[in-house]
Amino acid sequence: MTGNPGRGARTGERVTDQLRQAEELEAEARLAEAHEAAARRPKAGWAPLPRRAGVKTVSPLRTIRTPIPRAWRWVLTVLSLLVPFLAWVVLCASGAAPATFLPSPGAVLSAGLEMLRSGDLVADLGATAGRVLYGFGLAVLVSVPIGIVMGTFVAGQYAFEPVIGLVRYMPASAFIPLMMIWLGIGEPSKIAILFLGTFFFNTLMVADVVRGVPRSLIDVSYTLGARRGEVLRKIVVPHSLPGIIDAIRVNAAAAWNFVVVAELINSTEGLGYRIVRSQRFLQTDRIFAVLVVIGVAGLVIDVALRLVRTRVGRWTA
């Protein structure tokens, strides 16, 4: 019986095609191997890449933004206060610094207790705290609404930011002569210095916080039918409140700095006045005692504002 010559020819063509495809695949594999070998081979003048060591366990103390155990928090907090205090004690005990310039902790404590018994320290602290309350409180009452307007509306930003950005670079102490001319040498001029020293920075910080409100929250609120006033009251202000409290906390420290400058204006009481009076008689132990009181008072305010911020902004913790 004679075979079909057409079927044999087609079978031969299929075998030839399969052989050709196999040769092509083999050539592609050889080309890929050659490229891989060339990539592994160091180029002329290039040092081979170093091999990475295995993953090591790193202490949380040296890891970026990693929570640390509570025990370590207390240890570091105590050390941050204890180390400078010990350095102070060593300098005084070794006689490296004269007592006139660097009184010992014991002398500072004695001076503070003496002022406390005489009633001067309590009166001065009350006068200074009152000035900070009035001056910085007024600055907060005015700066927070303006900052919210600047951060919420682009028109508010362009209306207020140029003048605020210009005046904030002018030192508040440079306005003392003008305040004395305009407001006299009484309490209003001191309050005005505190206001000028904190108002502009607090306004810009509040505006930056408000600008951080996610646009998606505002868009979703409008989609759900909220009006502009509702978005402002229920979205922008609540979301910004923790950051606003942080801005107030930071600028409260500036208020305590400016109050010393403000009390240079014809004061008869106040912690700044007590420092200047003690400086005239080289009573550095009293100066240090007043500085410690200012630091403790500022720390109490800082901790109180931190607690308030934690309670009103738990979602940001």
C-alpha atoms as a PDB file:
ATOM      1  CA  MET A   1       0.000   0.000   0.000  1.00  0.00           C
ATOM      2  CA  THR A   2       1.403   3.388  -0.928  1.00  0.00           C
ATOM      3  CA  GLY A   3       1.553   6.178   1.784  1.00  0.00           C
ATOM      4  CA  ASN A   4       0.043   9.635   1.381  1.00  0.00           C
ATOM      5  CA  PRO A   5       2.883  11.954   0.288  1.00  0.00           C
ATOM      6  CA  GLY A   6       0.987  15.157   1.388  1.00  0.00           C
ATOM      7  CA  ARG A   7       0.568  13.925   4.961  1.00  0.00           C
ATOM      8  CA  GLY A   8       4.265  13.037   5.167  1.00  0.00           C
ATOM      9  CA  ALA A   9       5.277  16.476   3.959  1.00  0.00           C
ATOM     10  CA  ARG A  10       3.060  18.174   6.581  1.00  0.00           C
ATOM     11  CA  THR A  11       4.500  15.974   9.336  1.00  0.00           C
ATOM     12  CA  GLY A  12       8.021  16.897   8.263  1.00  0.00           C
ATOM     13  CA  GLU A  13       7.149  20.597   8.336  1.00  0.00           C
ATOM     14  CA  ARG A  14       5.767  20.299  11.895  1.00  0.00           C
ATOM     15  CA  VAL A  15       8.929  18.555  13.073  1.00  0.00           C
ATOM     16  CA  THR A  16      11.030  21.214  11.421  1.00  0.00           C
ATOM     17  CA  ASP A  17       8.999  23.999  13.122  1.00  0.00           C
ATOM     18  CA  GLN A  18       9.344  22.318  16.509  1.00  0.00           C
ATOM     19  CA  LEU A  19      13.096  21.981  16.073  1.00  0.00           C
ATOM     20  CA  ARG A  20      13.341  25.634  15.041  1.00  0.00           C
ATOM     21  CA  GLN A  21      11.331  26.765  18.116  1.00  0.00           C
ATOM     22  CA  ALA A  22      13.496  24.622  20.399  1.00  0.00           C
ATOM     23  CA  GLU A  23      16.635  26.167  18.913  1.00  0.00           C
ATOM     24  CA  GLU A  24      15.220  29.672  19.406  1.00  0.00           C
ATOM     25  CA  LEU A  25      14.322  28.970  23.045  1.00  0.00           C
ATOM     26  CA  GLU A  26      17.779  27.531  23.653  1.00  0.00           C
ATOM     27  CA  ALA A  27      19.387  30.607  22.091  1.00  0.00           C
ATOM     28  CA  GLU A  28      17.262  32.929  24.245  1.00  0.00           C
ATOM     29  CA  ALA A  29      18.220  30.953  27.353  1.00  0.00           C
ATOM     30  CA  ARG A  30      21.926  31.183  26.475  1.00  0.00           C
ATOM     31  CA  LEU A  31      21.544  34.961  25.881  1.00  0.00           C
ATOM     32  CA  ALA A  32      19.806  35.433  29.261  1.00  0.00           C
ATOM     33  CA  GLU A  33      22.540  33.470  31.024  1.00  0.00           C
ATOM     34  CA  ALA A  34      25.178  35.606  29.320  1.00  0.00           C
ATOM     35  CA  HIS A  35      23.457  38.828  30.424  1.00  0.00           C
ATOM     36  CA  GLU A  36      23.126  37.550  34.003  1.00  0.00           C
ATOM     37  CA  ALA A  37      26.776  36.564  34.118  1.00  0.00           C
ATOM     38  CA  ALA A  38      27.789  39.963  32.757  1.00  0.00           C
ATOM     39  CA  ALA A  39      25.682  41.704  35.394  1.00  0.00           C
ATOM     40  CA  ARG A  40      27.331  39.689  38.192  1.00  0.00           C
ATOM     41  CA  ARG A  41      30.824  40.305  36.812  1.00  0.00           C
ATOM     42  CA  PRO A  42      32.315  43.524  38.373  1.00  0.00           C
ATOM     43  CA  LYS A  43      32.984  46.234  35.833  1.00  0.00           C
ATOM     44  CA  ALA A  44      36.432  47.679  35.373  1.00  0.00           C
ATOM     45  CA  GLY A  45      37.205  50.141  38.156  1.00  0.00           C
ATOM     46  CA  TRP A  46      34.052  49.279  40.120  1.00  0.00           C
ATOM     47  CA  ALA A  47      34.351  47.641  43.513  1.00  0.00           C
ATOM     48  CA  PRO A  48      31.994  44.747  44.121  1.00  0.00           C
ATOM     49  CA  LEU A  49      28.913  45.591  46.161  1.00  0.00           C
ATOM     50  CA  PRO A  50      29.289  44.695  49.844  1.00  0.00           C
ATOM     51  CA  ARG A  51      27.167  41.909  51.166  1.00  0.00           C
ATOM     52  CA  ARG A  52      24.553  43.024  53.656  1.00  0.00           C
ATOM     53  CA  ALA A  53      24.776  41.526  57.077  1.00  0.00           C
ATOM     54  CA  GLY A  54      21.852  39.658  58.489  1.00  0.00           C
ATOM     55  CA  VAL A  55      19.049  41.493  60.235  1.00  0.00           C
ATOM     56  CA  LYS A  56      20.110  42.441  63.761  1.00  0.00           C
ATOM     57  CA  THR A  57      17.882  43.141  66.705  1.00  0.00           C
ATOM     58  CA  VAL A  58      18.104  46.887  67.430  1.00  0.00           C
ATOM     59  CA  SER A  59      17.216  48.397  70.786  1.00  0.00           C
ATOM     60  CA  PRO A  60      14.058  50.539  70.780  1.00  0.00           C
ATOM     61  CA  LEU A  61      16.207  53.369  72.153  1.00  0.00           C
ATOM     62  CA  ARG A  62      18.011  53.558  68.804  1.00  0.00           C
ATOM     63  CA  THR A  63      15.046  52.894  66.538  1.00  0.00           C
ATOM     64  CA  ILE A  64      13.304  55.751  64.774  1.00  0.00           C
ATOM     65  CA  ARG A  65       9.937  56.638  66.335  1.00  0.00           C
ATOM     66  CA  THR A  66       9.566  53.381  68.195  1.00  0.00           C
ATOM     67  CA  PRO A  67       7.846  53.386  71.607  1.00  0.00           C
ATOM     68  CA  ILE A  68      10.154  52.568  74.512  1.00  0.00           C
ATOM     69  CA  PRO A  69       9.296  50.781  77.763  1.00  0.00           C
ATOM     70  CA  ARG A  70       7.856  52.867  80.594  1.00  0.00           C
ATOM     71  CA  ALA A  71      10.865  52.113  82.796  1.00  0.00           C
ATOM     72  CA  TRP A  72      13.224  53.628  80.244  1.00  0.00           C
ATOM     73  CA  ARG A  73      11.037  56.728  80.002  1.00  0.00           C
ATOM     74  CA  TRP A  74      11.398  57.332  83.720  1.00  0.00           C
ATOM     75  CA  VAL A  75      15.143  56.632  83.646  1.00  0.00           C
ATOM     76  CA  LEU A  76      15.759  59.083  80.799  1.00  0.00           C
ATOM     77  CA  THR A  77      13.528  61.725  82.398  1.00  0.00           C
ATOM     78  CA  VAL A  78      15.377  61.506  85.705  1.00  0.00           C
ATOM     79  CA  LEU A  79      18.768  61.576  83.980  1.00  0.00           C
ATOM     80  CA  SER A  80      17.834  64.672  81.957  1.00  0.00           C
ATOM     81  CA  LEU A  81      17.338  66.535  85.262  1.00  0.00           C
ATOM     82  CA  LEU A  82      19.944  64.803  87.393  1.00  0.00           C
ATOM     83  CA  VAL A  83      22.944  65.206  85.078  1.00  0.00           C
ATOM     84  CA  PRO A  84      22.788  69.060  84.858  1.00  0.00           C
ATOM     85  CA  PHE A  85      22.139  69.248  88.612  1.00  0.00           C
ATOM     86  CA  LEU A  86      25.175  67.082  89.376  1.00  0.00           C
ATOM     87  CA  ALA A  87      27.296  69.188  87.024  1.00  0.00           C
ATOM     88  CA  TRP A  88      26.150  72.287  88.925  1.00  0.00           C
ATOM     89  CA  VAL A  89      27.069  70.680  92.268  1.00  0.00           C
ATOM     90  CA  VAL A  90      30.488  69.589  91.012  1.00  0.00           C
ATOM     91  CA  LEU A  91      31.314  73.047  89.634  1.00  0.00           C
ATOM     92  CA  CYS A  92      30.383  74.693  92.923  1.00  0.00           C
ATOM     93  CA  ALA A  93      32.160  72.131  95.096  1.00  0.00           C
ATOM     94  CA  SER A  94      35.376  72.255  93.058  1.00  0.00           C
ATOM     95  CA  GLY A  95      35.580  76.042  93.230  1.00  0.00           C
ATOM     96  CA  ALA A  96      35.880  76.270  89.449  1.00  0.00           C
ATOM     97  CA  ALA A  97      33.342  79.113  89.494  1.00  0.00           C
ATOM     98  CA  PRO A  98      33.217  81.811  92.213  1.00  0.00           C
ATOM     99  CA  ALA A  99      30.131  81.748  94.417  1.00  0.00           C
ATOM    100  CA  THR A 100      29.313  85.299  93.327  1.00  0.00           C
ATOM    101  CA  PHE A 101      28.787  84.112  89.772  1.00  0.00           C
ATOM    102  CA  LEU A 102      27.550  80.561  90.385  1.00  0.00           C
ATOM    103  CA  PRO A 103      25.923  80.039  93.785  1.00  0.00           C
ATOM    104  CA  SER A 104      25.571  76.529  95.161  1.00  0.00           C
ATOM    105  CA  PRO A 105      22.214  74.728  95.181  1.00  0.00           C
ATOM    106  CA  GLY A 106      22.126  75.129  98.954  1.00  0.00           C
ATOM    107  CA  ALA A 107      22.584  78.888  98.713  1.00  0.00           C
ATOM    108  CA  VAL A 108      19.852  79.108  96.059  1.00  0.00           C
ATOM    109  CA  LEU A 109      17.475  77.100  98.248  1.00  0.00           C
ATOM    110  CA  SER A 110      18.216  79.330 101.246  1.00  0.00           C
ATOM    111  CA  ALA A 111      17.595  82.480  99.192  1.00  0.00           C
ATOM    112  CA  GLY A 112      14.325  81.076  97.865  1.00  0.00           C
ATOM    113  CA  LEU A 113      13.106  80.134 101.335  1.00  0.00           C
ATOM    114  CA  GLU A 114      14.045  83.582 102.622  1.00  0.00           C
ATOM    115  CA  MET A 115      12.023  85.290  99.874  1.00  0.00           C
ATOM    116  CA  LEU A 116       9.163  82.876 100.527  1.00  0.00           C
ATOM    117  CA  ARG A 117       9.093  83.659 104.255  1.00  0.00           C
ATOM    118  CA  SER A 118       9.173  87.390 103.603  1.00  0.00           C
ATOM    119  CA  GLY A 119       6.259  87.086 101.163  1.00  0.00           C
ATOM    120  CA  ASP A 120       8.178  88.685  98.289  1.00  0.00           C
ATOM    121  CA  LEU A 121       8.291  85.496  96.232  1.00  0.00           C
ATOM    122  CA  VAL A 122       4.554  84.838  96.463  1.00  0.00           C
ATOM    123  CA  ALA A 123       3.694  88.450  95.613  1.00  0.00           C
ATOM    124  CA  ASP A 124       6.112  88.506  92.681  1.00  0.00           C
ATOM    125  CA  LEU A 125       4.834  85.186  91.349  1.00  0.00           C
ATOM    126  CA  GLY A 126       1.226  86.374  91.575  1.00  0.00           C
ATOM    127  CA  ALA A 127       1.989  89.641  89.772  1.00  0.00           C
ATOM    128  CA  THR A 128       3.902  87.896  86.972  1.00  0.00           C
ATOM    129  CA  ALA A 129       1.318  85.143  86.551  1.00  0.00           C
ATOM    130  CA  GLY A 130      -1.419  87.770  86.326  1.00  0.00           C
ATOM    131  CA  ARG A 131       0.415  89.625  83.582  1.00  0.00           C
ATOM    132  CA  VAL A 132       0.996  86.410  81.651  1.00  0.00           C
ATOM    133  CA  LEU A 133      -2.669  85.503  82.068  1.00  0.00           C
ATOM    134  CA  TYR A 134      -3.923  88.846  80.786  1.00  0.00           C
ATOM    135  CA  GLY A 135      -1.360  89.438  78.030  1.00  0.00           C
ATOM    136  CA  PHE A 136      -1.080  85.922  76.649  1.00  0.00           C
ATOM    137  CA  GLY A 137      -4.759  85.182  77.264  1.00  0.00           C
ATOM    138  CA  LEU A 138      -5.715  88.194  75.160  1.00  0.00           C
ATOM    139  CA  ALA A 139      -3.294  87.069  72.451  1.00  0.00           C
ATOM    140  CA  VAL A 140      -4.900  83.617  72.385  1.00  0.00           C
ATOM    141  CA  LEU A 141      -8.435  85.018  72.234  1.00  0.00           C
ATOM    142  CA  VAL A 142      -7.547  87.144  69.195  1.00  0.00           C
ATOM    143  CA  SER A 143      -5.038  84.913  67.395  1.00  0.00           C
ATOM    144  CA  VAL A 144      -7.004  81.643  67.403  1.00  0.00           C
ATOM    145  CA  PRO A 145     -10.042  82.953  65.424  1.00  0.00           C
ATOM    146  CA  ILE A 146      -7.800  84.810  62.975  1.00  0.00           C
ATOM    147  CA  GLY A 147      -5.635  81.712  62.543  1.00  0.00           C
ATOM    148  CA  ILE A 148      -8.713  79.579  61.842  1.00  0.00           C
ATOM    149  CA  VAL A 149      -9.867  82.064  59.204  1.00  0.00           C
ATOM    150  CA  MET A 150      -6.402  82.129  57.620  1.00  0.00           C
ATOM    151  CA  GLY A 151      -6.153  78.349  57.543  1.00  0.00           C
ATOM    152  CA  THR A 152      -9.697  77.742  56.305  1.00  0.00           C
ATOM    153  CA  PHE A 153     -10.179  80.414  53.641  1.00  0.00           C
ATOM    154  CA  VAL A 154      -7.596  81.307  51.015  1.00  0.00           C
ATOM    155  CA  ALA A 155      -8.956  84.867  51.041  1.00  0.00           C
ATOM    156  CA  GLY A 156      -8.251  85.046  54.786  1.00  0.00           C
ATOM    157  CA  GLN A 157      -4.692  83.869  54.217  1.00  0.00           C
ATOM    158  CA  TYR A 158      -3.989  86.613  51.674  1.00  0.00           C
ATOM    159  CA  ALA A 159      -5.755  89.222  53.794  1.00  0.00           C
ATOM    160  CA  PHE A 160      -3.857  88.632  57.048  1.00  0.00           C
ATOM    161  CA  GLU A 161      -0.616  86.751  56.347  1.00  0.00           C
ATOM    162  CA  PRO A 162       1.361  89.565  54.625  1.00  0.00           C
ATOM    163  CA  VAL A 163       1.048  92.037  57.508  1.00  0.00           C
ATOM    164  CA  ILE A 164       1.439  89.365  60.203  1.00  0.00           C
ATOM    165  CA  GLY A 165       4.446  87.883  58.448  1.00  0.00           C
ATOM    166  CA  LEU A 166       6.033  91.333  58.327  1.00  0.00           C
ATOM    167  CA  VAL A 167       5.390  92.428  61.907  1.00  0.00           C
ATOM    168  CA  ARG A 168       6.378  89.120  63.514  1.00  0.00           C
ATOM    169  CA  TYR A 169      10.021  89.767  62.639  1.00  0.00           C
ATOM    170  CA  MET A 170      10.017  92.979  64.657  1.00  0.00           C
ATOM    171  CA  PRO A 171      11.239  92.286  68.214  1.00  0.00           C
ATOM    172  CA  ALA A 172       8.645  93.002  70.876  1.00  0.00           C
ATOM    173  CA  SER A 173      11.250  94.709  73.047  1.00  0.00           C
ATOM    174  CA  ALA A 174      11.692  97.348  70.330  1.00  0.00           C
ATOM    175  CA  PHE A 175       8.114  98.469  70.974  1.00  0.00           C
ATOM    176  CA  ILE A 176       8.765  99.290  74.642  1.00  0.00           C
ATOM    177  CA  PRO A 177       9.433 103.013  74.016  1.00  0.00           C
ATOM    178  CA  LEU A 178       6.289 103.289  71.889  1.00  0.00           C
ATOM    179  CA  MET A 179       4.184 101.427  74.453  1.00  0.00           C
ATOM    180  CA  MET A 180       5.425 103.783  77.181  1.00  0.00           C
ATOM    181  CA  ILE A 181       4.509 106.792  75.049  1.00  0.00           C
ATOM    182  CA  TRP A 182       1.132 105.447  73.950  1.00  0.00           C
ATOM    183  CA  LEU A 183      -0.019 103.586  77.087  1.00  0.00           C
ATOM    184  CA  GLY A 184       2.098 105.033  79.877  1.00  0.00           C
ATOM    185  CA  ILE A 185       4.300 103.152  82.323  1.00  0.00           C
ATOM    186  CA  GLY A 186       1.536 101.218  84.081  1.00  0.00           C
ATOM    187  CA  GLU A 187       0.143  97.743  83.531  1.00  0.00           C
ATOM    188  CA  PRO A 188      -1.353  98.348  80.026  1.00  0.00           C
ATOM    189  CA  SER A 189       2.098  98.768  78.459  1.00  0.00           C
ATOM    190  CA  LYS A 190       3.315  95.494  80.033  1.00  0.00           C
ATOM    191  CA  ILE A 191       0.246  93.639  78.810  1.00  0.00           C
ATOM    192  CA  ALA A 192       0.756  95.089  75.326  1.00  0.00           C
ATOM    193  CA  ILE A 193       4.360  93.845  75.186  1.00  0.00           C
ATOM    194  CA  LEU A 194       3.225  90.336  76.085  1.00  0.00           C
ATOM    195  CA  PHE A 195       0.479  90.535  73.468  1.00  0.00           C
ATOM    196  CA  LEU A 196       2.849  91.692  70.726  1.00  0.00           C
ATOM    197  CA  GLY A 197       5.407  89.055  71.603  1.00  0.00           C
ATOM    198  CA  THR A 198       3.029  86.099  71.264  1.00  0.00           C
ATOM    199  CA  PHE A 199       0.085  87.112  69.054  1.00  0.00           C
ATOM    200  CA  PHE A 200       1.740  86.912  65.627  1.00  0.00           C
ATOM    201  CA  PHE A 201       3.506  83.589  66.132  1.00  0.00           C
ATOM    202  CA  ASN A 202       0.443  81.967  67.655  1.00  0.00           C
ATOM    203  CA  THR A 203      -1.714  83.154  64.735  1.00  0.00           C
ATOM    204  CA  LEU A 204       0.577  81.636  62.099  1.00  0.00           C
ATOM    205  CA  MET A 205       0.955  78.370  64.010  1.00  0.00           C
ATOM    206  CA  VAL A 206      -2.822  78.015  64.359  1.00  0.00           C
ATOM    207  CA  ALA A 207      -3.250  78.718  60.632  1.00  0.00           C
ATOM    208  CA  ASP A 208      -0.732  75.984  59.772  1.00  0.00           C
ATOM    209  CA  VAL A 209      -2.584  73.523  61.992  1.00  0.00           C
ATOM    210  CA  VAL A 210      -5.936  74.303  60.347  1.00  0.00           C
ATOM    211  CA  ARG A 211      -4.432  73.851  56.876  1.00  0.00           C
ATOM    212  CA  GLY A 212      -3.550  70.308  57.902  1.00  0.00           C
ATOM    213  CA  VAL A 213      -7.216  69.241  57.987  1.00  0.00           C
ATOM    214  CA  PRO A 214      -7.561  66.592  55.230  1.00  0.00           C
ATOM    215  CA  ARG A 215      -9.430  67.863  52.202  1.00  0.00           C
ATOM    216  CA  SER A 216     -11.193  64.507  51.925  1.00  0.00           C
ATOM    217  CA  LEU A 217     -13.011  65.117  55.238  1.00  0.00           C
ATOM    218  CA  ILE A 218     -14.300  68.454  53.967  1.00  0.00           C
ATOM    219  CA  ASP A 219     -15.397  66.974  50.621  1.00  0.00           C
ATOM    220  CA  VAL A 220     -17.203  64.077  52.315  1.00  0.00           C
ATOM    221  CA  SER A 221     -18.990  66.536  54.620  1.00  0.00           C
ATOM    222  CA  TYR A 222     -20.239  68.557  51.663  1.00  0.00           C
ATOM    223  CA  THR A 223     -21.290  65.338  49.911  1.00  0.00           C
ATOM    224  CA  LEU A 224     -23.359  64.334  52.943  1.00  0.00           C
ATOM    225  CA  GLY A 225     -25.167  67.681  52.858  1.00  0.00           C
ATOM    226  CA  ALA A 226     -23.261  69.719  55.463  1.00  0.00           C
ATOM    227  CA  ARG A 227     -23.198  73.470  55.050  1.00  0.00           C
ATOM    228  CA  ARG A 228     -20.157  75.715  55.309  1.00  0.00           C
ATOM    229  CA  GLY A 229     -20.791  76.680  58.926  1.00  0.00           C
ATOM    230  CA  GLU A 230     -21.338  73.053  59.907  1.00  0.00           C
ATOM    231  CA  VAL A 231     -18.119  71.980  58.212  1.00  0.00           C
ATOM    232  CA  LEU A 232     -16.266  74.690  60.092  1.00  0.00           C
ATOM    233  CA  ARG A 233     -17.805  73.848  63.484  1.00  0.00           C
ATOM    234  CA  LYS A 234     -17.955  70.070  63.238  1.00  0.00           C
ATOM    235  CA  ILE A 235     -14.953  69.195  61.072  1.00  0.00           C
ATOM    236  CA  VAL A 236     -12.312  71.929  60.900  1.00  0.00           C
ATOM    237  CA  VAL A 237     -12.312  73.142  64.500  1.00  0.00           C
ATOM    238  CA  PRO A 238     -12.536  69.724  66.246  1.00  0.00           C
ATOM    239  CA  HIS A 239      -9.855  68.225  63.996  1.00  0.00           C
ATOM    240  CA  SER A 240      -7.554  71.221  64.602  1.00  0.00           C
ATOM    241  CA  LEU A 241      -8.143  71.574  68.348  1.00  0.00           C
ATOM    242  CA  PRO A 242      -5.261  69.325  69.534  1.00  0.00           C
ATOM    243  CA  GLY A 243      -2.811  71.170  67.283  1.00  0.00           C
ATOM    244  CA  ILE A 244      -4.156  74.539  68.438  1.00  0.00           C
ATOM    245  CA  ILE A 245      -3.556  73.529  72.060  1.00  0.00           C
ATOM    246  CA  ASP A 246      -0.015  72.488  71.116  1.00  0.00           C
ATOM    247  CA  ALA A 247       0.568  75.918  69.543  1.00  0.00           C
ATOM    248  CA  ILE A 248      -0.709  77.614  72.699  1.00  0.00           C
ATOM    249  CA  ARG A 249       1.562  75.397  74.805  1.00  0.00           C
ATOM    250  CA  VAL A 250       4.637  76.340  72.785  1.00  0.00           C
ATOM    251  CA  ASN A 251       3.871  80.054  72.840  1.00  0.00           C
ATOM    252  CA  ALA A 252       3.118  80.016  76.579  1.00  0.00           C
ATOM    253  CA  ALA A 253       6.861  79.557  77.081  1.00  0.00           C
ATOM    254  CA  ALA A 254       7.462  82.650  74.953  1.00  0.00           C
ATOM    255  CA  ALA A 255       5.013  84.564  77.140  1.00  0.00           C
ATOM    256  CA  TRP A 256       7.062  83.763  80.238  1.00  0.00           C
ATOM    257  CA  ASN A 257      10.165  84.974  78.405  1.00  0.00           C
ATOM    258  CA  PHE A 258       8.565  88.257  77.394  1.00  0.00           C
ATOM    259  CA  VAL A 259       7.156  88.946  80.845  1.00  0.00           C
ATOM    260  CA  VAL A 260      10.681  89.523  82.158  1.00  0.00           C
ATOM    261  CA  VAL A 261      11.199  92.109  79.423  1.00  0.00           C
ATOM    262  CA  ALA A 262       7.816  93.677  80.114  1.00  0.00           C
ATOM    263  CA  GLU A 263       8.551  94.029  83.816  1.00  0.00           C
ATOM    264  CA  LEU A 264      11.509  96.268  83.044  1.00  0.00           C
ATOM    265  CA  ILE A 265       8.952  99.053  82.565  1.00  0.00           C
ATOM    266  CA  ASN A 266       8.682 100.777  85.944  1.00  0.00           C
ATOM    267  CA  SER A 267       7.670  97.650  87.882  1.00  0.00           C
ATOM    268  CA  THR A 268       7.494  97.413  91.651  1.00  0.00           C
ATOM    269  CA  GLU A 269       6.777  93.685  91.814  1.00  0.00           C
ATOM    270  CA  GLY A 270       7.095  90.642  89.611  1.00  0.00           C
ATOM    271  CA  LEU A 271       9.673  87.926  88.989  1.00  0.00           C
ATOM    272  CA  GLY A 272      11.368  89.981  86.270  1.00  0.00           C
ATOM    273  CA  TYR A 273      11.512  92.962  88.597  1.00  0.00           C
ATOM    274  CA  ARG A 274      13.025  90.747  91.327  1.00  0.00           C
ATOM    275  CA  ILE A 275      15.732  89.532  88.928  1.00  0.00           C
ATOM    276  CA  VAL A 276      16.699  93.082  87.930  1.00  0.00           C
ATOM    277  CA  ARG A 277      16.695  94.233  91.561  1.00  0.00           C
ATOM    278  CA  SER A 278      18.874  91.300  92.615  1.00  0.00           C
ATOM    279  CA  GLN A 279      21.279  91.991  89.765  1.00  0.00           C
ATOM    280  CA  ARG A 280      21.961  95.484  91.105  1.00  0.00           C
ATOM    281  CA  PHE A 281      23.233  94.041  94.399  1.00  0.00           C
ATOM    282  CA  LEU A 282      24.980  90.974  92.892  1.00  0.00           C
ATOM    283  CA  GLN A 283      22.510  88.651  94.622  1.00  0.00           C
ATOM    284  CA  THR A 284      22.964  85.813  92.155  1.00  0.00           C
ATOM    285  CA  ASP A 285      21.500  83.289  94.604  1.00  0.00           C
ATOM    286  CA  ARG A 286      18.190  85.167  94.453  1.00  0.00           C
ATOM    287  CA  ILE A 287      18.402  85.381  90.657  1.00  0.00           C
ATOM    288  CA  PHE A 288      18.832  81.609  90.429  1.00  0.00           C
ATOM    289  CA  ALA A 289      15.962  81.068  92.857  1.00  0.00           C
ATOM    290  CA  VAL A 290      13.631  83.214  90.745  1.00  0.00           C
ATOM    291  CA  LEU A 291      14.741  81.402  87.585  1.00  0.00           C
ATOM    292  CA  VAL A 292      13.922  78.062  89.189  1.00  0.00           C
ATOM    293  CA  VAL A 293      10.469  79.370  90.139  1.00  0.00           C
ATOM    294  CA  ILE A 294       9.867  80.532  86.557  1.00  0.00           C
ATOM    295  CA  GLY A 295      10.952  77.153  85.225  1.00  0.00           C
ATOM    296  CA  VAL A 296       8.680  75.240  87.609  1.00  0.00           C
ATOM    297  CA  ALA A 297       5.707  77.502  86.853  1.00  0.00           C
ATOM    298  CA  GLY A 298       6.231  77.082  83.120  1.00  0.00           C
ATOM    299  CA  LEU A 299       6.577  73.313  83.500  1.00  0.00           C
ATOM    300  CA  VAL A 300       3.290  73.119  85.401  1.00  0.00           C
ATOM    301  CA  ILE A 301       1.513  75.034  82.626  1.00  0.00           C
ATOM    302  CA  ASP A 302       3.144  72.842  79.972  1.00  0.00           C
ATOM    303  CA  VAL A 303       2.078  69.608  81.672  1.00  0.00           C
ATOM    304  CA  ALA A 304      -1.456  70.924  82.205  1.00  0.00           C
ATOM    305  CA  LEU A 305      -1.805  71.821  78.514  1.00  0.00           C
ATOM    306  CA  ARG A 306      -0.398  68.436  77.494  1.00  0.00           C
ATOM    307  CA  LEU A 307      -3.057  66.712  79.592  1.00  0.00           C
ATOM    308  CA  VAL A 308      -5.787  68.863  78.059  1.00  0.00           C
ATOM    309  CA  ARG A 309      -4.464  68.121  74.587  1.00  0.00           C
ATOM    310  CA  THR A 310      -4.462  64.381  75.295  1.00  0.00           C
ATOM    311  CA  ARG A 311      -8.062  64.434  76.511  1.00  0.00           C
ATOM    312  CA  VAL A 312      -9.486  66.435  73.595  1.00  0.00           C
ATOM    313  CA  GLY A 313      -7.412  64.725  70.907  1.00  0.00           C
ATOM    314  CA  ARG A 314      -7.214  61.059  71.811  1.00  0.00           C
ATOM    315  CA  TRP A 315      -7.501  60.021  68.143  1.00  0.00           C
ATOM    316  CA  THR A 316      -4.167  61.733  67.403  1.00  0.00           C
ATOM    317  CA  ALA A 317      -2.232  59.876  70.118  1.00  0.00           C
END
